[in-house]
PDB file of N, CA and C in Angstrom:
ATOM      1  N   MET A   1      70.239 104.636  89.804  1.00  0.00           N
ATOM      2  CA  MET A   1      71.613 105.092  89.943  1.00  0.00           C
ATOM      3  C   MET A   1      72.048 104.964  91.394  1.00  0.00           C
ATOM      4  N   THR A   2      73.280 104.552  91.602  1.00  0.00           N
ATOM      5  CA  THR A   2      73.818 104.397  92.943  1.00  0.00           C
ATOM      6  C   THR A   2      74.567 105.645  93.350  1.00  0.00           C
ATOM      7  N   TYR A   3      74.296 106.138  94.556  1.00  0.00           N
ATOM      8  CA  TYR A   3      74.972 107.303  95.075  1.00  0.00           C
ATOM      9  C   TYR A   3      75.858 106.871  96.214  1.00  0.00           C
ATOM     10  N   GLY A   4      76.957 107.566  96.385  1.00  0.00           N
ATOM     11  CA  GLY A   4      77.827 107.268  97.500  1.00  0.00           C
ATOM     12  C   GLY A   4      79.188 107.876  97.307  1.00  0.00           C
ATOM     13  N   PRO A   5      80.090 107.624  98.243  1.00  0.00           N
ATOM     14  CA  PRO A   5      81.435 108.184  98.161  1.00  0.00           C
ATOM     15  C   PRO A   5      82.123 107.818  96.855  1.00  0.00           C
ATOM     16  N   GLY A   6      82.782 108.771  96.271  1.00  0.00           N
ATOM     17  CA  GLY A   6      83.531 108.530  95.044  1.00  0.00           C
ATOM     18  C   GLY A   6      82.703 108.587  93.779  1.00  0.00           C
ATOM     19  N   ARG A   7      81.421 108.861  93.875  1.00  0.00           N
ATOM     20  CA  ARG A   7      80.555 108.946  92.698  1.00  0.00           C
ATOM     21  C   ARG A   7      80.147 110.397  92.485  1.00  0.00           C
ATOM     22  N   LEU A   8      80.189 110.818  91.235  1.00  0.00           N
ATOM     23  CA  LEU A   8      79.776 112.175  90.869  1.00  0.00           C
ATOM     24  C   LEU A   8      78.260 112.284  90.980  1.00  0.00           C
ATOM     25  N   LEU A   9      77.785 113.372  91.612  1.00  0.00           N
ATOM     26  CA  LEU A   9      76.366 113.573  91.807  1.00  0.00           C
ATOM     27  C   LEU A   9      75.914 114.830  91.074  1.00  0.00           C
ATOM     28  N   ASP A  10      74.775 114.769  90.416  1.00  0.00           N
ATOM     29  CA  ASP A  10      74.180 115.930  89.762  1.00  0.00           C
ATOM     30  C   ASP A  10      73.065 116.451  90.659  1.00  0.00           C
ATOM     31  N   LEU A  11      73.333 117.577  91.323  1.00  0.00           N
ATOM     32  CA  LEU A  11      72.381 118.123  92.283  1.00  0.00           C
ATOM     33  C   LEU A  11      71.130 118.710  91.626  1.00  0.00           C
ATOM     34  N   ARG A  12      71.116 118.841  90.316  1.00  0.00           N
ATOM     35  CA  ARG A  12      69.936 119.363  89.629  1.00  0.00           C
ATOM     36  C   ARG A  12      69.106 118.253  88.991  1.00  0.00           C
ATOM     37  N   SER A  13      69.512 116.997  89.172  1.00  0.00           N
ATOM     38  CA  SER A  13      68.764 115.882  88.587  1.00  0.00           C
ATOM     39  C   SER A  13      67.697 115.387  89.556  1.00  0.00           C
ATOM     40  N   GLY A  14      66.767 114.637  89.026  1.00  0.00           N
ATOM     41  CA  GLY A  14      65.706 114.069  89.850  1.00  0.00           C
ATOM     42  C   GLY A  14      64.517 115.006  89.924  1.00  0.00           C
ATOM     43  N   VAL A  15      63.344 114.429  90.011  1.00  0.00           N
ATOM     44  CA  VAL A  15      62.108 115.200  90.151  1.00  0.00           C
ATOM     45  C   VAL A  15      61.291 114.598  91.278  1.00  0.00           C
ATOM     46  N   GLY A  16      60.407 115.408  91.810  1.00  0.00           N
ATOM     47  CA  GLY A  16      59.543 114.941  92.886  1.00  0.00           C
ATOM     48  C   GLY A  16      59.527 115.927  94.028  1.00  0.00           C
ATOM     49  N   ARG A  17      59.090 115.456  95.190  1.00  0.00           N
ATOM     50  CA  ARG A  17      59.051 116.288  96.382  1.00  0.00           C
ATOM     51  C   ARG A  17      59.612 115.475  97.553  1.00  0.00           C
ATOM     52  N   ALA A  18      60.073 116.168  98.556  1.00  0.00           N
ATOM     53  CA  ALA A  18      60.729 115.580  99.731  1.00  0.00           C
ATOM     54  C   ALA A  18      62.113 115.072  99.316  1.00  0.00           C
ATOM     55  N   VAL A  19      62.525 113.923  99.793  1.00  0.00           N
ATOM     56  CA  VAL A  19      63.875 113.425  99.505  1.00  0.00           C
ATOM     57  C   VAL A  19      63.918 112.848  98.094  1.00  0.00           C
ATOM     58  N   LEU A  20      64.760 113.460  97.225  1.00  0.00           N
ATOM     59  CA  LEU A  20      64.933 112.964  95.861  1.00  0.00           C
ATOM     60  C   LEU A  20      65.965 111.844  95.827  1.00  0.00           C
ATOM     61  N   TRP A  21      67.000 111.978  96.615  1.00  0.00           N
ATOM     62  CA  TRP A  21      67.988 110.918  96.808  1.00  0.00           C
ATOM     63  C   TRP A  21      68.749 111.166  98.094  1.00  0.00           C
ATOM     64  N   GLY A  22      69.362 110.130  98.581  1.00  0.00           N
ATOM     65  CA  GLY A  22      70.172 110.267  99.782  1.00  0.00           C
ATOM     66  C   GLY A  22      71.127 109.114  99.889  1.00  0.00           C
ATOM     67  N   PHE A  23      72.155 109.325 100.668  1.00  0.00           N
ATOM     68  CA  PHE A  23      73.062 108.223 100.977  1.00  0.00           C
ATOM     69  C   PHE A  23      73.728 108.479 102.312  1.00  0.00           C
ATOM     70  N   ALA A  24      74.227 107.416 102.876  1.00  0.00           N
ATOM     71  CA  ALA A  24      74.882 107.520 104.166  1.00  0.00           C
ATOM     72  C   ALA A  24      76.149 106.669 104.142  1.00  0.00           C
ATOM     73  N   THR A  25      77.175 107.189 104.770  1.00  0.00           N
ATOM     74  CA  THR A  25      78.380 106.421 105.020  1.00  0.00           C
ATOM     75  C   THR A  25      78.395 106.107 106.513  1.00  0.00           C
ATOM     76  N   GLU A  26      79.465 105.560 106.980  1.00  0.00           N
ATOM     77  CA  GLU A  26      79.587 105.300 108.411  1.00  0.00           C
ATOM     78  C   GLU A  26      79.522 106.587 109.218  1.00  0.00           C
ATOM     79  N   ASP A  27      79.983 107.711 108.639  1.00  0.00           N
ATOM     80  CA  ASP A  27      80.078 108.976 109.352  1.00  0.00           C
ATOM     81  C   ASP A  27      79.109 110.053 108.888  1.00  0.00           C
ATOM     82  N   LEU A  28      78.579 109.976 107.670  1.00  0.00           N
ATOM     83  CA  LEU A  28      77.899 111.102 107.049  1.00  0.00           C
ATOM     84  C   LEU A  28      76.562 110.697 106.457  1.00  0.00           C
ATOM     85  N   ASN A  29      75.571 111.595 106.578  1.00  0.00           N
ATOM     86  CA  ASN A  29      74.274 111.403 105.946  1.00  0.00           C
ATOM     87  C   ASN A  29      74.016 112.607 105.056  1.00  0.00           C
ATOM     88  N   VAL A  30      73.717 112.373 103.775  1.00  0.00           N
ATOM     89  CA  VAL A  30      73.488 113.457 102.807  1.00  0.00           C
ATOM     90  C   VAL A  30      72.185 113.179 102.068  1.00  0.00           C
ATOM     91  N   ASN A  31      71.359 114.243 101.911  1.00  0.00           N
ATOM     92  CA  ASN A  31      70.097 114.112 101.188  1.00  0.00           C
ATOM     93  C   ASN A  31      69.901 115.311 100.278  1.00  0.00           C
ATOM     94  N   LEU A  32      69.306 115.068  99.126  1.00  0.00           N
ATOM     95  CA  LEU A  32      68.848 116.122  98.226  1.00  0.00           C
ATOM     96  C   LEU A  32      67.339 116.153  98.353  1.00  0.00           C
ATOM     97  N   LEU A  33      66.806 117.327  98.720  1.00  0.00           N
ATOM     98  CA  LEU A  33      65.368 117.476  98.926  1.00  0.00           C
ATOM     99  C   LEU A  33      64.820 118.538  97.986  1.00  0.00           C
ATOM    100  N   ALA A  34      63.558 118.382  97.603  1.00  0.00           N
ATOM    101  CA  ALA A  34      62.869 119.382  96.778  1.00  0.00           C
ATOM    102  C   ALA A  34      61.460 119.547  97.304  1.00  0.00           C
ATOM    103  N   TRP A  35      60.998 120.798  97.333  1.00  0.00           N
ATOM    104  CA  TRP A  35      59.660 121.103  97.809  1.00  0.00           C
ATOM    105  C   TRP A  35      59.002 122.107  96.887  1.00  0.00           C
ATOM    106  N   PRO A  36      57.704 121.952  96.622  1.00  0.00           N
ATOM    107  CA  PRO A  36      56.978 122.984  95.873  1.00  0.00           C
ATOM    108  C   PRO A  36      56.754 124.203  96.774  1.00  0.00           C
ATOM    109  N   ALA A  37      56.345 125.290  96.174  1.00  0.00           N
ATOM    110  CA  ALA A  37      56.111 126.542  96.901  1.00  0.00           C
ATOM    111  C   ALA A  37      55.245 126.323  98.142  1.00  0.00           C
ATOM    112  N   GLY A  38      55.712 126.873  99.268  1.00  0.00           N
ATOM    113  CA  GLY A  38      54.955 126.817 100.513  1.00  0.00           C
ATOM    114  C   GLY A  38      55.064 125.521 101.291  1.00  0.00           C
ATOM    115  N   ASP A  39      55.687 124.525 100.727  1.00  0.00           N
ATOM    116  CA  ASP A  39      55.839 123.221 101.381  1.00  0.00           C
ATOM    117  C   ASP A  39      57.235 123.130 101.995  1.00  0.00           C
ATOM    118  N   GLY A  40      57.478 122.125 102.816  1.00  0.00           N
ATOM    119  CA  GLY A  40      58.807 121.972 103.399  1.00  0.00           C
ATOM    120  C   GLY A  40      58.802 121.087 104.618  1.00  0.00           C
ATOM    121  N   VAL A  41      59.749 121.361 105.506  1.00  0.00           N
ATOM    122  CA  VAL A  41      59.938 120.567 106.710  1.00  0.00           C
ATOM    123  C   VAL A  41      59.395 121.353 107.897  1.00  0.00           C
ATOM    124  N   GLY A  42      58.462 120.773 108.627  1.00  0.00           N
ATOM    125  CA  GLY A  42      57.849 121.444 109.773  1.00  0.00           C
ATOM    126  C   GLY A  42      58.815 121.605 110.937  1.00  0.00           C
ATOM    127  N   SER A  43      58.370 122.342 111.906  1.00  0.00           N
ATOM    128  CA  SER A  43      59.181 122.662 113.075  1.00  0.00           C
ATOM    129  C   SER A  43      59.578 121.392 113.837  1.00  0.00           C
ATOM    130  N   HIS A  44      60.868 121.290 114.142  1.00  0.00           N
ATOM    131  CA  HIS A  44      61.401 120.168 114.906  1.00  0.00           C
ATOM    132  C   HIS A  44      62.733 120.567 115.526  1.00  0.00           C
ATOM    133  N   THR A  45      63.183 119.785 116.472  1.00  0.00           N
ATOM    134  CA  THR A  45      64.475 120.029 117.125  1.00  0.00           C
ATOM    135  C   THR A  45      65.332 118.787 116.968  1.00  0.00           C
ATOM    136  N   ASN A  46      66.576 118.995 116.554  1.00  0.00           N
ATOM    137  CA  ASN A  46      67.542 117.911 116.423  1.00  0.00           C
ATOM    138  C   ASN A  46      68.620 118.151 117.468  1.00  0.00           C
ATOM    139  N   ALA A  47      68.598 117.368 118.517  1.00  0.00           N
ATOM    140  CA  ALA A  47      69.569 117.533 119.599  1.00  0.00           C
ATOM    141  C   ALA A  47      70.852 116.754 119.349  1.00  0.00           C
ATOM    142  N   GLU A  48      70.948 116.070 118.208  1.00  0.00           N
ATOM    143  CA  GLU A  48      72.061 115.151 117.988  1.00  0.00           C
ATOM    144  C   GLU A  48      73.218 115.724 117.188  1.00  0.00           C
ATOM    145  N   GLY A  49      73.008 116.760 116.388  1.00  0.00           N
ATOM    146  CA  GLY A  49      74.122 117.265 115.595  1.00  0.00           C
ATOM    147  C   GLY A  49      73.765 118.474 114.760  1.00  0.00           C
ATOM    148  N   ASP A  50      74.807 119.192 114.316  1.00  0.00           N
ATOM    149  CA  ASP A  50      74.647 120.331 113.414  1.00  0.00           C
ATOM    150  C   ASP A  50      74.226 119.823 112.032  1.00  0.00           C
ATOM    151  N   VAL A  51      73.533 120.669 111.269  1.00  0.00           N
ATOM    152  CA  VAL A  51      73.100 120.306 109.922  1.00  0.00           C
ATOM    153  C   VAL A  51      73.493 121.417 108.956  1.00  0.00           C
ATOM    154  N   LEU A  52      74.132 121.041 107.852  1.00  0.00           N
ATOM    155  CA  LEU A  52      74.480 121.975 106.790  1.00  0.00           C
ATOM    156  C   LEU A  52      73.380 121.935 105.743  1.00  0.00           C
ATOM    157  N   ILE A  53      72.845 123.110 105.367  1.00  0.00           N
ATOM    158  CA  ILE A  53      71.845 123.236 104.310  1.00  0.00           C
ATOM    159  C   ILE A  53      72.452 124.094 103.207  1.00  0.00           C
ATOM    160  N   VAL A  54      72.432 123.590 101.956  1.00  0.00           N
ATOM    161  CA  VAL A  54      72.935 124.340 100.800  1.00  0.00           C
ATOM    162  C   VAL A  54      71.820 124.408  99.763  1.00  0.00           C
ATOM    163  N   VAL A  55      71.373 125.614  99.428  1.00  0.00           N
ATOM    164  CA  VAL A  55      70.323 125.770  98.431  1.00  0.00           C
ATOM    165  C   VAL A  55      70.932 125.603  97.046  1.00  0.00           C
ATOM    166  N   VAL A  56      70.391 124.663  96.285  1.00  0.00           N
ATOM    167  CA  VAL A  56      70.851 124.371  94.935  1.00  0.00           C
ATOM    168  C   VAL A  56      70.045 125.173  93.913  1.00  0.00           C
ATOM    169  N   ASP A  57      68.751 125.316  94.173  1.00  0.00           N
ATOM    170  CA  ASP A  57      67.880 126.005  93.230  1.00  0.00           C
ATOM    171  C   ASP A  57      66.649 126.522  93.973  1.00  0.00           C
ATOM    172  N   GLY A  58      66.247 127.735  93.669  1.00  0.00           N
ATOM    173  CA  GLY A  58      65.035 128.295  94.250  1.00  0.00           C
ATOM    174  C   GLY A  58      65.306 129.109  95.501  1.00  0.00           C
ATOM    175  N   GLU A  59      64.231 129.276  96.289  1.00  0.00           N
ATOM    176  CA  GLU A  59      64.308 130.057  97.510  1.00  0.00           C
ATOM    177  C   GLU A  59      63.800 129.231  98.676  1.00  0.00           C
ATOM    178  N   LEU A  60      64.438 129.397  99.822  1.00  0.00           N
ATOM    179  CA  LEU A  60      64.095 128.629 101.002  1.00  0.00           C
ATOM    180  C   LEU A  60      64.094 129.560 102.200  1.00  0.00           C
ATOM    181  N   SER A  61      63.012 129.522 102.970  1.00  0.00           N
ATOM    182  CA  SER A  61      62.928 130.282 104.211  1.00  0.00           C
ATOM    183  C   SER A  61      63.288 129.339 105.349  1.00  0.00           C
ATOM    184  N   VAL A  62      64.307 129.721 106.129  1.00  0.00           N
ATOM    185  CA  VAL A  62      64.790 128.890 107.214  1.00  0.00           C
ATOM    186  C   VAL A  62      64.509 129.603 108.542  1.00  0.00           C
ATOM    187  N   ASN A  63      63.780 128.937 109.407  1.00  0.00           N
ATOM    188  CA  ASN A  63      63.452 129.476 110.719  1.00  0.00           C
ATOM    189  C   ASN A  63      64.261 128.709 111.749  1.00  0.00           C
ATOM    190  N   ILE A  64      65.186 129.399 112.409  1.00  0.00           N
ATOM    191  CA  ILE A  64      66.018 128.776 113.444  1.00  0.00           C
ATOM    192  C   ILE A  64      65.737 129.501 114.747  1.00  0.00           C
ATOM    193  N   ASP A  65      65.082 128.823 115.673  1.00  0.00           N
ATOM    194  CA  ASP A  65      64.726 129.397 116.966  1.00  0.00           C
ATOM    195  C   ASP A  65      64.045 130.749 116.836  1.00  0.00           C
ATOM    196  N   GLY A  66      63.144 130.876 115.842  1.00  0.00           N
ATOM    197  CA  GLY A  66      62.385 132.104 115.649  1.00  0.00           C
ATOM    198  C   GLY A  66      63.043 133.148 114.772  1.00  0.00           C
ATOM    199  N   ASP A  67      64.285 132.923 114.380  1.00  0.00           N
ATOM    200  CA  ASP A  67      65.002 133.846 113.483  1.00  0.00           C
ATOM    201  C   ASP A  67      64.826 133.333 112.054  1.00  0.00           C
ATOM    202  N   VAL A  68      64.044 134.037 111.245  1.00  0.00           N
ATOM    203  CA  VAL A  68      63.748 133.606 109.889  1.00  0.00           C
ATOM    204  C   VAL A  68      64.731 134.264 108.915  1.00  0.00           C
ATOM    205  N   GLN A  69      65.334 133.430 108.061  1.00  0.00           N
ATOM    206  CA  GLN A  69      66.285 133.923 107.068  1.00  0.00           C
ATOM    207  C   GLN A  69      65.894 133.380 105.699  1.00  0.00           C
ATOM    208  N   ALA A  70      65.962 134.254 104.687  1.00  0.00           N
ATOM    209  CA  ALA A  70      65.678 133.842 103.315  1.00  0.00           C
ATOM    210  C   ALA A  70      66.972 133.419 102.655  1.00  0.00           C
ATOM    211  N   MET A  71      66.948 132.274 101.998  1.00  0.00           N
ATOM    212  CA  MET A  71      68.125 131.753 101.298  1.00  0.00           C
ATOM    213  C   MET A  71      67.799 131.585  99.820  1.00  0.00           C
ATOM    214  N   GLY A  72      68.829 131.707  98.973  1.00  0.00           N
ATOM    215  CA  GLY A  72      68.669 131.506  97.541  1.00  0.00           C
ATOM    216  C   GLY A  72      69.783 130.650  96.980  1.00  0.00           C
ATOM    217  N   ASP A  73      69.768 130.483  95.661  1.00  0.00           N
ATOM    218  CA  ASP A  73      70.756 129.666  94.959  1.00  0.00           C
ATOM    219  C   ASP A  73      72.169 129.915  95.475  1.00  0.00           C
ATOM    220  N   GLY A  74      72.866 128.828  95.793  1.00  0.00           N
ATOM    221  CA  GLY A  74      74.261 128.913  96.174  1.00  0.00           C
ATOM    222  C   GLY A  74      74.521 129.365  97.595  1.00  0.00           C
ATOM    223  N   GLN A  75      73.487 129.591  98.385  1.00  0.00           N
ATOM    224  CA  GLN A  75      73.692 130.007  99.761  1.00  0.00           C
ATOM    225  C   GLN A  75      73.626 128.795 100.694  1.00  0.00           C
ATOM    226  N   ALA A  76      74.367 128.893 101.816  1.00  0.00           N
ATOM    227  CA  ALA A  76      74.431 127.801 102.774  1.00  0.00           C
ATOM    228  C   ALA A  76      74.282 128.340 104.193  1.00  0.00           C
ATOM    229  N   ILE A  77      73.829 127.471 105.065  1.00  0.00           N
ATOM    230  CA  ILE A  77      73.711 127.818 106.478  1.00  0.00           C
ATOM    231  C   ILE A  77      73.942 126.546 107.298  1.00  0.00           C
ATOM    232  N   VAL A  78      74.544 126.699 108.452  1.00  0.00           N
ATOM    233  CA  VAL A  78      74.689 125.591 109.387  1.00  0.00           C
ATOM    234  C   VAL A  78      73.666 125.805 110.500  1.00  0.00           C
ATOM    235  N   ILE A  79      72.805 124.825 110.686  1.00  0.00           N
ATOM    236  CA  ILE A  79      71.812 124.878 111.746  1.00  0.00           C
ATOM    237  C   ILE A  79      72.413 124.143 112.949  1.00  0.00           C
ATOM    238  N   PRO A  80      72.570 124.848 114.060  1.00  0.00           N
ATOM    239  CA  PRO A  80      73.237 124.220 115.199  1.00  0.00           C
ATOM    240  C   PRO A  80      72.405 123.147 115.898  1.00  0.00           C
ATOM    241  N   ARG A  81      73.107 122.191 116.435  1.00  0.00           N
ATOM    242  CA  ARG A  81      72.484 121.134 117.231  1.00  0.00           C
ATOM    243  C   ARG A  81      71.646 121.783 118.345  1.00  0.00           C
ATOM    244  N   GLY A  82      70.480 121.237 118.574  1.00  0.00           N
ATOM    245  CA  GLY A  82      69.616 121.712 119.641  1.00  0.00           C
ATOM    246  C   GLY A  82      68.692 122.844 119.255  1.00  0.00           C
ATOM    247  N   ALA A  83      68.872 123.425 118.072  1.00  0.00           N
ATOM    248  CA  ALA A  83      68.002 124.518 117.630  1.00  0.00           C
ATOM    249  C   ALA A  83      66.694 123.960 117.087  1.00  0.00           C
ATOM    250  N   THR A  84      65.614 124.678 117.328  1.00  0.00           N
ATOM    251  CA  THR A  84      64.323 124.331 116.722  1.00  0.00           C
ATOM    252  C   THR A  84      64.289 124.998 115.366  1.00  0.00           C
ATOM    253  N   ARG A  85      63.962 124.222 114.335  1.00  0.00           N
ATOM    254  CA  ARG A  85      64.022 124.733 112.977  1.00  0.00           C
ATOM    255  C   ARG A  85      62.874 124.254 112.137  1.00  0.00           C
ATOM    256  N   SER A  86      62.590 125.038 111.076  1.00  0.00           N
ATOM    257  CA  SER A  86      61.658 124.635 110.034  1.00  0.00           C
ATOM    258  C   SER A  86      62.175 125.227 108.723  1.00  0.00           C
ATOM    259  N   LEU A  87      61.804 124.604 107.613  1.00  0.00           N
ATOM    260  CA  LEU A  87      62.240 125.067 106.292  1.00  0.00           C
ATOM    261  C   LEU A  87      61.027 125.098 105.379  1.00  0.00           C
ATOM    262  N   THR A  88      60.842 126.227 104.660  1.00  0.00           N
ATOM    263  CA  THR A  88      59.695 126.393 103.785  1.00  0.00           C
ATOM    264  C   THR A  88      60.153 126.901 102.420  1.00  0.00           C
ATOM    265  N   ALA A  89      59.721 126.233 101.357  1.00  0.00           N
ATOM    266  CA  ALA A  89      60.090 126.626  99.999  1.00  0.00           C
ATOM    267  C   ALA A  89      59.417 127.932  99.619  1.00  0.00           C
ATOM    268  N   GLY A  90      60.129 128.765  98.861  1.00  0.00           N
ATOM    269  CA  GLY A  90      59.623 130.038  98.383  1.00  0.00           C
ATOM    270  C   GLY A  90      58.670 129.869  97.210  1.00  0.00           C
ATOM    271  N   VAL A  91      58.315 130.978  96.579  1.00  0.00           N
ATOM    272  CA  VAL A  91      57.310 131.028  95.519  1.00  0.00           C
ATOM    273  C   VAL A  91      57.577 130.035  94.388  1.00  0.00           C
ATOM    274  N   GLY A  92      58.821 129.897  93.962  1.00  0.00           N
ATOM    275  CA  GLY A  92      59.148 128.978  92.870  1.00  0.00           C
ATOM    276  C   GLY A  92      59.566 127.600  93.327  1.00  0.00           C
ATOM    277  N   GLY A  93      59.417 127.304  94.621  1.00  0.00           N
ATOM    278  CA  GLY A  93      59.871 126.021  95.157  1.00  0.00           C
ATOM    279  C   GLY A  93      61.342 126.092  95.526  1.00  0.00           C
ATOM    280  N   ALA A  94      61.871 124.987  96.027  1.00  0.00           N
ATOM    281  CA  ALA A  94      63.276 124.946  96.445  1.00  0.00           C
ATOM    282  C   ALA A  94      63.822 123.534  96.308  1.00  0.00           C
ATOM    283  N   ARG A  95      65.111 123.486  96.037  1.00  0.00           N
ATOM    284  CA  ARG A  95      65.889 122.238  96.007  1.00  0.00           C
ATOM    285  C   ARG A  95      67.123 122.520  96.831  1.00  0.00           C
ATOM    286  N   TYR A  96      67.402 121.656  97.812  1.00  0.00           N
ATOM    287  CA  TYR A  96      68.551 121.890  98.662  1.00  0.00           C
ATOM    288  C   TYR A  96      69.191 120.588  99.142  1.00  0.00           C
ATOM    289  N   LEU A  97      70.440 120.711  99.507  1.00  0.00           N
ATOM    290  CA  LEU A  97      71.237 119.616 100.012  1.00  0.00           C
ATOM    291  C   LEU A  97      71.310 119.745 101.519  1.00  0.00           C
ATOM    292  N   SER A  98      71.111 118.650 102.225  1.00  0.00           N
ATOM    293  CA  SER A  98      71.193 118.594 103.673  1.00  0.00           C
ATOM    294  C   SER A  98      72.284 117.580 104.034  1.00  0.00           C
ATOM    295  N   ALA A  99      73.212 117.981 104.906  1.00  0.00           N
ATOM    296  CA  ALA A  99      74.292 117.063 105.311  1.00  0.00           C
ATOM    297  C   ALA A  99      74.511 117.172 106.807  1.00  0.00           C
ATOM    298  N   HIS A 100      74.693 116.017 107.434  1.00  0.00           N
ATOM    299  CA  HIS A 100      74.970 115.994 108.867  1.00  0.00           C
ATOM    300  C   HIS A 100      75.670 114.687 109.232  1.00  0.00           C
ATOM    301  N   ARG A 101      76.242 114.680 110.414  1.00  0.00           N
ATOM    302  CA  ARG A 101      76.870 113.467 110.907  1.00  0.00           C
ATOM    303  C   ARG A 101      75.796 112.400 111.016  1.00  0.00           C
ATOM    304  N   ARG A 102      76.145 111.196 110.629  1.00  0.00           N
ATOM    305  CA  ARG A 102      75.184 110.113 110.679  1.00  0.00           C
ATOM    306  C   ARG A 102      74.856 109.781 112.122  1.00  0.00           C
ATOM    307  N   ARG A 103      73.581 109.607 112.374  1.00  0.00           N
ATOM    308  CA  ARG A 103      73.139 109.237 113.717  1.00  0.00           C
ATOM    309  C   ARG A 103      73.383 107.763 113.940  1.00  0.00           C
ATOM    310  N   PRO A 104      73.673 107.378 115.165  1.00  0.00           N
ATOM    311  CA  PRO A 104      73.832 105.944 115.429  1.00  0.00           C
ATOM    312  C   PRO A 104      72.498 105.224 115.265  1.00  0.00           C
ATOM    313  N   PRO A 105      72.531 103.940 114.926  1.00  0.00           N
ATOM    314  CA  PRO A 105      71.269 103.208 114.753  1.00  0.00           C
ATOM    315  C   PRO A 105      70.523 103.121 116.078  1.00  0.00           C
ATOM    316  N   LEU A 106      69.214 103.018 115.956  1.00  0.00           N
ATOM    317  CA  LEU A 106      68.389 102.843 117.153  1.00  0.00           C
ATOM    318  C   LEU A 106      68.643 101.480 117.767  1.00  0.00           C
ATOM    319  N   THR A 107      68.681 101.453 119.069  1.00  0.00           N
ATOM    320  CA  THR A 107      68.824 100.156 119.763  1.00  0.00           C
ATOM    321  C   THR A 107      67.670 100.022 120.743  1.00  0.00           C
ATOM    322  N   LEU A 108      67.155  98.835 120.848  1.00  0.00           N
ATOM    323  CA  LEU A 108      66.077  98.552 121.777  1.00  0.00           C
ATOM    324  C   LEU A 108      66.663  97.884 123.016  1.00  0.00           C
ATOM    325  N   SER A 109      66.251  98.371 124.154  1.00  0.00           N
ATOM    326  CA  SER A 109      66.788  97.772 125.391  1.00  0.00           C
ATOM    327  C   SER A 109      65.771  96.867 126.046  1.00  0.00           C
TER     328      SER A 109
END
């Protein structure tokens, strides 16, 4: 199935772990991710842009600069640019949408 602008997306479809699907436009990068209990995205810092996280299903623990917040179905948070963050799925796992401004392509000098 092709994903992109103007196409209806089912956020509860797809199975697996990590990125289930994603697409990018000239301006936007969007991914649907799923993790089993206790798994997720390790600590990292994104100095390039804010990131919107929307929990579609399950529970997600979000650590932003040492401040841990529990999220559940239908909850959203914006992680600010420059913050160190990690995301960990709760007991039943988690499925969430991640959206941010598309980063420019890498260039070699």
